[in-house]
């Protein structure tokens, strides 16, 4: 008995590549922004600074996003919503498209 597998098309590879690399891109964007803002805070207690730095570095994609959204920082509400909300929306969309393209 012979099994035939379909050859993946261009869009499967294209969406699959985005689904794989997008979390790395979001991490390399959000983490430096969050760490830069965190390093400029002199009024924050040292244990809170260390805790936020550990969250940003240990939880790769969502640590930087959590800091940008939840911490009191100099970012405007519109920037927070656009940067984090837009990135997460695109990430979820690409993951859904990746799953659909394999069906």
C-alpha atoms as a PDB file:
ATOM      1  CA  UNK A   1       0.000   0.000   0.000  1.00  0.00           C
ATOM      2  CA  UNK A   2       1.470   3.309  -1.081  1.00  0.00           C
ATOM      3  CA  UNK A   3       0.852   6.633   0.642  1.00  0.00           C
ATOM      4  CA  UNK A   4       0.913   9.826  -1.385  1.00  0.00           C
ATOM      5  CA  UNK A   5       1.640  13.103   0.327  1.00  0.00           C
ATOM      6  CA  UNK A   6       0.687  16.422  -1.201  1.00  0.00           C
ATOM      7  CA  UNK A   7       3.534  18.765  -2.000  1.00  0.00           C
ATOM      8  CA  UNK A   8       3.220  21.963   0.036  1.00  0.00           C
ATOM      9  CA  UNK A   9       2.685  25.053  -2.050  1.00  0.00           C
ATOM     10  CA  UNK A  10       4.249  28.492  -1.932  1.00  0.00           C
ATOM     11  CA  UNK A  11       1.687  29.930   0.491  1.00  0.00           C
ATOM     12  CA  UNK A  12       2.171  27.081   2.936  1.00  0.00           C
ATOM     13  CA  UNK A  13       5.893  27.815   3.110  1.00  0.00           C
ATOM     14  CA  UNK A  14       5.312  31.575   3.174  1.00  0.00           C
ATOM     15  CA  UNK A  15       2.769  31.541   6.015  1.00  0.00           C
ATOM     16  CA  UNK A  16       4.709  28.830   7.838  1.00  0.00           C
ATOM     17  CA  UNK A  17       7.840  30.972   7.783  1.00  0.00           C
ATOM     18  CA  UNK A  18       5.942  33.937   9.191  1.00  0.00           C
ATOM     19  CA  UNK A  19       4.372  31.754  11.883  1.00  0.00           C
ATOM     20  CA  UNK A  20       7.820  30.525  12.892  1.00  0.00           C
ATOM     21  CA  UNK A  21       9.780  33.813  12.785  1.00  0.00           C
ATOM     22  CA  UNK A  22       7.178  36.351  13.962  1.00  0.00           C
ATOM     23  CA  UNK A  23       7.522  35.558  17.704  1.00  0.00           C
ATOM     24  CA  UNK A  24      11.278  36.182  17.411  1.00  0.00           C
ATOM     25  CA  UNK A  25      10.663  39.486  15.642  1.00  0.00           C
ATOM     26  CA  UNK A  26       8.155  40.609  18.265  1.00  0.00           C
ATOM     27  CA  UNK A  27      10.590  39.687  21.038  1.00  0.00           C
ATOM     28  CA  UNK A  28      13.419  41.636  19.393  1.00  0.00           C
ATOM     29  CA  UNK A  29      11.144  44.672  19.131  1.00  0.00           C
ATOM     30  CA  UNK A  30       9.320  44.618  22.460  1.00  0.00           C
ATOM     31  CA  UNK A  31      12.133  43.539  24.806  1.00  0.00           C
ATOM     32  CA  UNK A  32      14.605  46.337  23.945  1.00  0.00           C
ATOM     33  CA  UNK A  33      11.856  48.971  24.121  1.00  0.00           C
ATOM     34  CA  UNK A  34      10.797  47.687  27.539  1.00  0.00           C
ATOM     35  CA  UNK A  35      14.355  47.344  28.869  1.00  0.00           C
ATOM     36  CA  UNK A  36      15.303  50.809  27.601  1.00  0.00           C
ATOM     37  CA  UNK A  37      12.316  52.353  29.353  1.00  0.00           C
ATOM     38  CA  UNK A  38      13.003  50.322  32.498  1.00  0.00           C
ATOM     39  CA  UNK A  39      16.642  51.435  32.598  1.00  0.00           C
ATOM     40  CA  UNK A  40      15.624  55.082  32.555  1.00  0.00           C
ATOM     41  CA  UNK A  41      13.458  54.813  35.675  1.00  0.00           C
ATOM     42  CA  UNK A  42      15.135  56.148  38.774  1.00  0.00           C
ATOM     43  CA  UNK A  43      12.002  56.371  40.933  1.00  0.00           C
ATOM     44  CA  UNK A  44      11.264  52.617  40.809  1.00  0.00           C
ATOM     45  CA  UNK A  45      12.355  50.427  43.716  1.00  0.00           C
ATOM     46  CA  UNK A  46      15.268  48.134  42.923  1.00  0.00           C
ATOM     47  CA  UNK A  47      13.348  44.901  43.543  1.00  0.00           C
ATOM     48  CA  UNK A  48      10.610  46.023  41.131  1.00  0.00           C
ATOM     49  CA  UNK A  49      13.221  46.864  38.508  1.00  0.00           C
ATOM     50  CA  UNK A  50      14.859  43.451  38.918  1.00  0.00           C
ATOM     51  CA  UNK A  51      11.480  41.694  38.830  1.00  0.00           C
ATOM     52  CA  UNK A  52      10.414  43.484  35.624  1.00  0.00           C
ATOM     53  CA  UNK A  53      13.794  42.795  34.002  1.00  0.00           C
ATOM     54  CA  UNK A  54      13.479  39.094  34.817  1.00  0.00           C
ATOM     55  CA  UNK A  55       9.931  38.963  33.452  1.00  0.00           C
ATOM     56  CA  UNK A  56      11.027  40.683  30.234  1.00  0.00           C
ATOM     57  CA  UNK A  57      14.020  38.377  29.752  1.00  0.00           C
ATOM     58  CA  UNK A  58      12.594  35.054  30.961  1.00  0.00           C
ATOM     59  CA  UNK A  59       9.161  35.221  29.296  1.00  0.00           C
ATOM     60  CA  UNK A  60      10.302  35.961  25.744  1.00  0.00           C
ATOM     61  CA  UNK A  61       7.319  37.203  23.749  1.00  0.00           C
ATOM     62  CA  UNK A  62       4.890  38.187  26.458  1.00  0.00           C
ATOM     63  CA  UNK A  63       7.313  39.691  29.004  1.00  0.00           C
ATOM     64  CA  UNK A  64       8.088  42.796  26.969  1.00  0.00           C
ATOM     65  CA  UNK A  65       4.464  43.116  25.928  1.00  0.00           C
ATOM     66  CA  UNK A  66       3.312  42.864  29.559  1.00  0.00           C
ATOM     67  CA  UNK A  67       5.739  45.583  30.626  1.00  0.00           C
ATOM     68  CA  UNK A  68       4.675  47.917  27.822  1.00  0.00           C
ATOM     69  CA  UNK A  69       0.984  47.408  28.647  1.00  0.00           C
ATOM     70  CA  UNK A  70       0.969  47.110  32.436  1.00  0.00           C
ATOM     71  CA  UNK A  71       3.853  49.135  33.855  1.00  0.00           C
ATOM     72  CA  UNK A  72       3.667  52.843  34.425  1.00  0.00           C
ATOM     73  CA  UNK A  73       5.912  54.177  31.706  1.00  0.00           C
ATOM     74  CA  UNK A  74       6.225  57.164  29.419  1.00  0.00           C
ATOM     75  CA  UNK A  75       4.435  55.527  26.506  1.00  0.00           C
ATOM     76  CA  UNK A  76       1.132  56.920  25.352  1.00  0.00           C
ATOM     77  CA  UNK A  77      -1.956  54.738  25.487  1.00  0.00           C
ATOM     78  CA  UNK A  78      -2.193  54.810  21.688  1.00  0.00           C
ATOM     79  CA  UNK A  79       1.399  53.557  21.321  1.00  0.00           C
ATOM     80  CA  UNK A  80       0.785  50.753  23.816  1.00  0.00           C
ATOM     81  CA  UNK A  81      -2.349  49.607  22.025  1.00  0.00           C
ATOM     82  CA  UNK A  82      -0.768  49.843  18.584  1.00  0.00           C
ATOM     83  CA  UNK A  83       2.541  48.185  19.416  1.00  0.00           C
ATOM     84  CA  UNK A  84       1.281  45.326  21.537  1.00  0.00           C
ATOM     85  CA  UNK A  85      -2.245  44.936  20.209  1.00  0.00           C
ATOM     86  CA  UNK A  86      -1.148  45.109  16.586  1.00  0.00           C
ATOM     87  CA  UNK A  87       1.695  42.668  17.125  1.00  0.00           C
ATOM     88  CA  UNK A  88      -0.474  40.142  18.953  1.00  0.00           C
ATOM     89  CA  UNK A  89      -3.247  40.474  16.365  1.00  0.00           C
ATOM     90  CA  UNK A  90      -0.850  39.792  13.509  1.00  0.00           C
ATOM     91  CA  UNK A  91       0.694  36.888  15.437  1.00  0.00           C
ATOM     92  CA  UNK A  92      -2.691  35.239  16.031  1.00  0.00           C
ATOM     93  CA  UNK A  93      -3.750  35.867  12.429  1.00  0.00           C
ATOM     94  CA  UNK A  94      -0.576  34.283  11.069  1.00  0.00           C
ATOM     95  CA  UNK A  95      -0.935  31.282  13.391  1.00  0.00           C
ATOM     96  CA  UNK A  96      -4.532  30.746  12.244  1.00  0.00           C
ATOM     97  CA  UNK A  97      -3.505  31.068   8.587  1.00  0.00           C
ATOM     98  CA  UNK A  98      -0.676  28.612   9.205  1.00  0.00           C
ATOM     99  CA  UNK A  99      -3.068  26.035  10.624  1.00  0.00           C
ATOM    100  CA  UNK A 100      -5.586  26.582   7.816  1.00  0.00           C
ATOM    101  CA  UNK A 101      -2.903  26.275   5.124  1.00  0.00           C
ATOM    102  CA  UNK A 102      -2.003  22.779   6.369  1.00  0.00           C
ATOM    103  CA  UNK A 103      -5.575  21.499   6.094  1.00  0.00           C
END
